[in-house]
Amino acid sequence: MPELPEVETTRAGIAPHILGRVITGLTVRNHGLRYKVPTSMARKAKGQTIQQLTRRSKYLIFELDDLKLLVHLGMSGSLRYHPPCDQHEPPKKHDHIDVRLNDGGLLRYHDPRRFGLWLPFTEVAAEHRLLAHLGPEPLTRNFSPKIFIEKAKRRSISVKTFIMDPKVVVGIGNIYAAEALFMSKISPLRLANAVSDDEYKLLVKNIKAVLRKSIARGGTTLNDFVGSDGKPGYFRQRLLVYGREGQECLECKAEIAHVVIGQRASCYCPKCQK
């Protein structure tokens, strides 16, 4: 699934091409995504200018003149910008939505598993039912060790499950949780309320570091994910523990262990992360 760095990479990749452009047409070939795409969306969006493109957690928000479009890439979705040309590439089987722009450019949504979403709305973004419950963004000042320290006292769940809870902090998916915990020498099996304040301070620092590094490198290479330019990310080549079960730890040479936590595969070093 595209995680926060992949979504941010997509946002940064397409924004320069679409901001200030007028939507001349919006074609929905398949309304059956995670939620049914409203049939009125194309009519409402046509003729409106894309004023801003922002991100909240793993959602993209297209801010038009008097309408907003909430977009989620789901499990395997991607957004690609196609520059103006006389003849755009014909849509493929899983190219479900095209947004045509007044400069001749095209924004195309591709989603093989159809678990993404496109929903128009008019209220303040923070009040939308899919956004209102979300915790702070991990790369902002609003995310500090205090968030973890205060909320962890009441949580007797694994620390990995805890930091992946979007009500606590958004955007820390399975890959980045595993990497940050390894960097902090914290076992993913430990209970959230058994992690010390100093360890949480280090964990917050490493969460920010691993997310920034991944954004700078274009996101994590997932089997289904490509960036806005159609190229995969490159962070996976540098992963420390995720997906490396049975291999040697890059620091202590112990064997990377594999365990299932909260129905999610988790890799960690049993020697480094006690």
Protein backbone atom coordinates (compact mmCIF):
# COMPACT_ATOMS: atom_id res chain seq x y z
CA MET A 1 0.00 0.00 0.00
CA PRO A 2 1.34 3.48 -0.78
CA GLU A 3 2.26 5.00 2.56
CA LEU A 4 2.77 8.64 3.55
CA PRO A 5 6.09 9.12 1.68
CA GLU A 6 4.62 7.62 -1.51
CA VAL A 7 1.59 9.91 -1.29
CA GLU A 8 3.76 12.94 -0.58
CA THR A 9 6.02 12.01 -3.49
CA THR A 10 2.95 11.82 -5.73
CA ARG A 11 1.67 15.19 -4.49
CA ALA A 12 5.01 16.90 -5.06
CA GLY A 13 5.36 15.28 -8.48
CA ILE A 14 2.05 16.32 -9.96
CA ALA A 15 1.41 19.66 -8.21
CA PRO A 16 3.65 21.81 -10.45
CA HIS A 17 1.82 20.54 -13.54
CA ILE A 18 -1.76 21.01 -12.38
CA LEU A 19 -1.94 24.03 -10.05
CA GLY A 20 -3.72 26.92 -11.69
CA ARG A 21 -5.12 24.69 -14.43
CA VAL A 22 -8.81 24.56 -15.25
CA ILE A 23 -10.52 21.17 -15.35
CA THR A 24 -12.07 20.92 -18.81
CA GLY A 25 -13.47 17.45 -18.27
CA LEU A 26 -13.46 14.56 -15.83
CA THR A 27 -14.10 11.01 -17.05
CA VAL A 28 -14.98 8.21 -14.62
CA ARG A 29 -14.77 4.80 -16.30
CA ASN A 30 -15.41 2.80 -13.15
CA HIS A 31 -17.47 4.18 -10.26
CA GLY A 32 -16.94 1.06 -8.15
CA LEU A 33 -13.99 2.05 -5.98
CA ARG A 34 -13.88 1.69 -2.17
CA TYR A 35 -16.85 4.06 -2.07
CA LYS A 36 -18.97 4.61 -5.14
CA VAL A 37 -17.70 7.63 -7.04
CA PRO A 38 -20.63 10.10 -7.18
CA THR A 39 -22.00 10.54 -10.68
CA SER A 40 -22.23 14.29 -10.02
CA MET A 41 -18.47 14.69 -9.42
CA ALA A 42 -17.58 15.17 -13.10
CA ARG A 43 -20.25 17.82 -13.61
CA LYS A 44 -19.32 19.73 -10.44
CA ALA A 45 -15.58 19.70 -11.13
CA LYS A 46 -15.77 20.77 -14.78
CA GLY A 47 -14.76 24.38 -15.29
CA GLN A 48 -13.16 24.77 -11.88
CA THR A 49 -9.54 25.76 -11.30
CA ILE A 50 -7.19 23.62 -9.19
CA GLN A 51 -6.10 26.13 -6.56
CA GLN A 52 -4.20 23.87 -4.18
CA LEU A 53 -3.12 20.25 -3.79
CA THR A 54 -2.53 19.26 -0.18
CA ARG A 55 -2.02 16.03 1.74
CA ARG A 56 -3.57 14.87 5.02
CA SER A 57 -2.22 11.53 6.19
CA LYS A 58 -2.46 9.30 3.10
CA TYR A 59 -5.22 11.39 1.51
CA LEU A 60 -4.74 13.96 -1.25
CA ILE A 61 -7.04 16.99 -1.27
CA PHE A 62 -7.63 18.84 -4.53
CA GLU A 63 -8.91 22.31 -3.62
CA LEU A 64 -10.93 23.79 -6.48
CA ASP A 65 -12.81 27.10 -6.66
CA ASP A 66 -15.76 26.02 -4.53
CA LEU A 67 -15.29 22.26 -4.32
CA LYS A 68 -12.76 19.83 -2.92
CA LEU A 69 -11.87 16.34 -4.11
CA LEU A 70 -10.70 13.82 -1.52
CA VAL A 71 -8.49 11.16 -3.12
CA HIS A 72 -6.93 8.04 -1.59
CA LEU A 73 -4.67 5.72 -3.58
CA GLY A 74 -5.92 2.63 -1.75
CA MET A 75 -3.80 -0.52 -1.93
CA SER A 76 -2.29 -0.10 -5.38
CA GLY A 77 -3.44 3.18 -6.88
CA SER A 78 -1.31 5.81 -8.57
CA LEU A 79 -1.76 9.24 -10.14
CA ARG A 80 0.28 10.15 -13.20
CA TYR A 81 0.45 13.40 -15.09
CA HIS A 82 0.56 13.12 -18.88
CA PRO A 83 1.83 16.31 -20.58
CA PRO A 84 -0.04 17.98 -23.46
CA CYS A 85 0.17 16.14 -26.72
CA ASP A 86 -1.91 15.56 -29.82
CA GLN A 87 -2.82 12.02 -28.81
CA HIS A 88 -2.64 10.76 -25.24
CA GLU A 89 -1.93 7.12 -24.58
CA PRO A 90 -5.21 5.14 -24.63
CA PRO A 91 -6.44 4.20 -21.16
CA LYS A 92 -5.49 0.77 -19.85
CA LYS A 93 -7.77 -1.70 -18.11
CA HIS A 94 -7.35 -0.21 -14.64
CA ASP A 95 -7.21 3.48 -15.63
CA HIS A 96 -10.45 4.44 -13.92
CA ILE A 97 -10.42 8.26 -13.88
CA ASP A 98 -9.05 10.96 -16.21
CA VAL A 99 -8.90 14.64 -15.30
CA ARG A 100 -8.40 16.76 -18.43
CA LEU A 101 -6.81 20.20 -18.07
CA ASN A 102 -7.03 23.36 -20.14
CA ASP A 103 -3.38 23.18 -21.22
CA GLY A 104 -4.00 19.80 -22.85
CA GLY A 105 -2.46 17.88 -19.96
CA LEU A 106 -4.09 14.85 -18.39
CA LEU A 107 -4.11 13.50 -14.85
CA ARG A 108 -4.83 9.76 -14.86
CA TYR A 109 -5.81 7.57 -11.89
CA HIS A 110 -4.79 3.91 -12.10
CA ASP A 111 -6.00 1.40 -9.48
CA PRO A 112 -5.91 -2.37 -10.17
CA ARG A 113 -7.45 -3.34 -6.82
CA ARG A 114 -10.03 -0.52 -6.81
CA PHE A 115 -9.59 0.19 -3.11
CA GLY A 116 -8.92 3.88 -3.56
CA LEU A 117 -11.51 6.63 -3.40
CA TRP A 118 -12.55 9.88 -5.08
CA LEU A 119 -15.11 11.89 -3.12
CA PRO A 120 -16.22 15.51 -3.68
CA PHE A 121 -16.98 17.63 -0.60
CA THR A 122 -17.43 21.27 0.38
CA GLU A 123 -16.87 21.41 4.15
CA VAL A 124 -13.62 22.33 5.86
CA ALA A 125 -11.22 19.44 5.29
CA ALA A 126 -10.57 18.92 9.01
CA GLU A 127 -14.29 18.31 9.52
CA HIS A 128 -14.67 15.63 6.84
CA ARG A 129 -15.78 12.32 8.35
CA LEU A 130 -12.70 10.52 7.01
CA LEU A 131 -10.28 13.15 8.34
CA ALA A 132 -11.78 14.48 11.57
CA HIS A 133 -10.47 11.64 13.79
CA LEU A 134 -6.87 11.73 12.56
CA GLY A 135 -3.87 12.45 14.76
CA PRO A 136 -1.08 14.93 14.00
CA GLU A 137 1.16 14.83 10.95
CA PRO A 138 4.48 13.18 11.84
CA LEU A 139 6.67 15.80 10.13
CA THR A 140 5.15 18.79 11.91
CA ARG A 141 5.79 20.41 15.28
CA ASN A 142 2.45 19.05 16.44
CA PHE A 143 4.04 15.60 16.59
CA SER A 144 6.30 15.45 19.62
CA PRO A 145 7.35 12.80 22.18
CA LYS A 146 4.63 14.16 24.44
CA ILE A 147 2.01 12.66 22.10
CA PHE A 148 3.38 9.15 22.61
CA ILE A 149 4.23 9.54 26.29
CA GLU A 150 0.75 10.73 27.29
CA LYS A 151 -1.24 8.28 25.17
CA ALA A 152 0.97 5.23 25.74
CA LYS A 153 0.27 5.12 29.47
CA ARG A 154 -3.23 3.83 28.76
CA ARG A 155 -2.30 1.38 26.01
CA SER A 156 -1.39 -2.24 26.76
CA ILE A 157 -0.92 -3.11 23.10
CA SER A 158 2.33 -3.66 21.21
CA VAL A 159 4.33 -0.51 20.60
CA LYS A 160 4.30 -1.24 16.86
CA THR A 161 0.50 -1.36 16.77
CA PHE A 162 0.37 1.78 18.91
CA ILE A 163 2.56 3.94 16.67
CA MET A 164 0.64 2.78 13.59
CA ASP A 165 -2.68 3.98 15.04
CA PRO A 166 -3.75 6.98 12.89
CA LYS A 167 -5.63 8.41 15.88
CA VAL A 168 -2.27 8.72 17.65
CA VAL A 169 -0.22 9.94 14.68
CA VAL A 170 -0.89 9.57 10.96
CA GLY A 171 1.18 8.07 8.21
CA ILE A 172 3.36 5.55 10.04
CA GLY A 173 2.73 2.41 8.04
CA ASN A 174 4.12 -1.07 8.48
CA ILE A 175 7.42 -0.48 6.69
CA TYR A 176 8.31 2.75 8.43
CA ALA A 177 7.24 1.50 11.85
CA ALA A 178 9.57 -1.48 11.52
CA GLU A 179 12.46 0.68 10.39
CA ALA A 180 12.03 3.34 13.09
CA LEU A 181 11.74 0.75 15.86
CA PHE A 182 14.95 -0.93 14.69
CA MET A 183 16.77 2.41 14.59
CA SER A 184 15.56 3.06 18.14
CA LYS A 185 16.50 -0.46 19.38
CA ILE A 186 12.93 -1.09 20.56
CA SER A 187 11.34 -4.50 20.02
CA PRO A 188 8.00 -4.31 18.20
CA LEU A 189 6.71 -6.88 20.72
CA ARG A 190 7.08 -4.60 23.72
CA LEU A 191 3.93 -3.07 25.16
CA ALA A 192 3.39 0.60 24.47
CA ASN A 193 3.10 1.40 28.17
CA ALA A 194 6.44 -0.36 28.87
CA VAL A 195 8.49 1.95 26.64
CA SER A 196 10.34 4.66 28.55
CA ASP A 197 10.01 8.40 27.96
CA ASP A 198 13.60 8.59 26.69
CA GLU A 199 12.93 5.74 24.25
CA TYR A 200 9.87 7.54 22.92
CA LYS A 201 11.95 10.70 22.42
CA LEU A 202 14.40 8.69 20.33
CA LEU A 203 11.58 6.93 18.47
CA VAL A 204 9.95 10.22 17.46
CA LYS A 205 13.31 11.45 16.17
CA ASN A 206 13.81 8.29 14.11
CA ILE A 207 10.25 8.27 12.74
CA LYS A 208 10.81 11.77 11.39
CA ALA A 209 14.21 10.78 10.01
CA VAL A 210 13.04 7.64 8.19
CA LEU A 211 10.05 9.43 6.67
CA ARG A 212 12.15 12.37 5.47
CA LYS A 213 14.72 10.02 3.97
CA SER A 214 12.04 8.06 2.15
CA ILE A 215 10.36 11.18 0.77
CA ALA A 216 13.73 12.42 -0.47
CA ARG A 217 14.29 9.13 -2.28
CA GLY A 218 10.85 8.87 -3.82
CA GLY A 219 9.11 6.49 -1.44
CA THR A 220 9.36 2.79 -0.87
CA THR A 221 9.44 0.42 -3.82
CA LEU A 222 6.30 -1.69 -3.55
CA ASN A 223 5.25 -4.23 -6.16
CA ASP A 224 2.26 -2.15 -7.25
CA PHE A 225 3.41 1.39 -6.55
CA VAL A 226 4.92 3.86 -8.99
CA GLY A 227 5.37 7.58 -8.55
CA SER A 228 3.78 10.38 -10.50
CA ASP A 229 6.36 9.89 -13.26
CA GLY A 230 5.69 6.15 -13.56
CA LYS A 231 8.98 5.20 -11.91
CA PRO A 232 9.21 3.13 -8.72
CA GLY A 233 10.67 4.53 -5.52
CA TYR A 234 14.13 3.50 -4.37
CA PHE A 235 13.98 3.34 -0.58
CA ARG A 236 13.49 -0.42 -0.36
CA GLN A 237 17.07 -1.06 -1.43
CA ARG A 238 18.17 0.52 1.84
CA LEU A 239 15.71 -1.07 4.27
CA LEU A 240 17.30 -2.26 7.50
CA VAL A 241 14.82 -4.92 8.67
CA TYR A 242 11.55 -4.84 6.73
CA GLY A 243 11.33 -7.78 4.32
CA ARG A 244 14.70 -9.14 5.46
CA GLU A 245 13.53 -12.10 7.57
CA GLY A 246 16.14 -14.83 7.75
CA GLN A 247 18.93 -12.51 6.61
CA GLU A 248 21.77 -11.18 8.74
CA CYS A 249 21.22 -8.02 10.77
CA LEU A 250 23.27 -5.25 9.18
CA GLU A 251 24.59 -4.25 12.61
CA CYS A 252 25.08 -7.39 14.74
CA LYS A 253 24.86 -10.24 12.15
CA ALA A 254 22.07 -11.98 14.10
CA GLU A 255 19.23 -13.46 12.03
CA ILE A 256 16.33 -11.12 11.37
CA ALA A 257 13.20 -12.59 12.93
CA HIS A 258 9.65 -12.56 11.58
CA VAL A 259 6.49 -12.35 13.65
CA VAL A 260 2.87 -11.36 13.03
CA ILE A 261 1.65 -8.41 15.13
CA GLY A 262 -1.89 -7.18 14.71
CA GLN A 263 -2.26 -9.25 11.53
CA ARG A 264 0.75 -7.47 10.01
CA ALA A 265 4.09 -9.07 9.20
CA SER A 266 6.85 -7.65 11.38
CA CYS A 267 10.60 -8.06 11.03
CA TYR A 268 13.06 -7.19 13.76
CA CYS A 269 16.46 -8.13 15.19
CA PRO A 270 15.99 -10.10 18.43
CA LYS A 271 19.52 -9.14 19.54
CA CYS A 272 19.45 -5.41 18.78
CA GLN A 273 15.78 -4.93 19.72
CA LYS A 274 15.37 -6.57 23.11
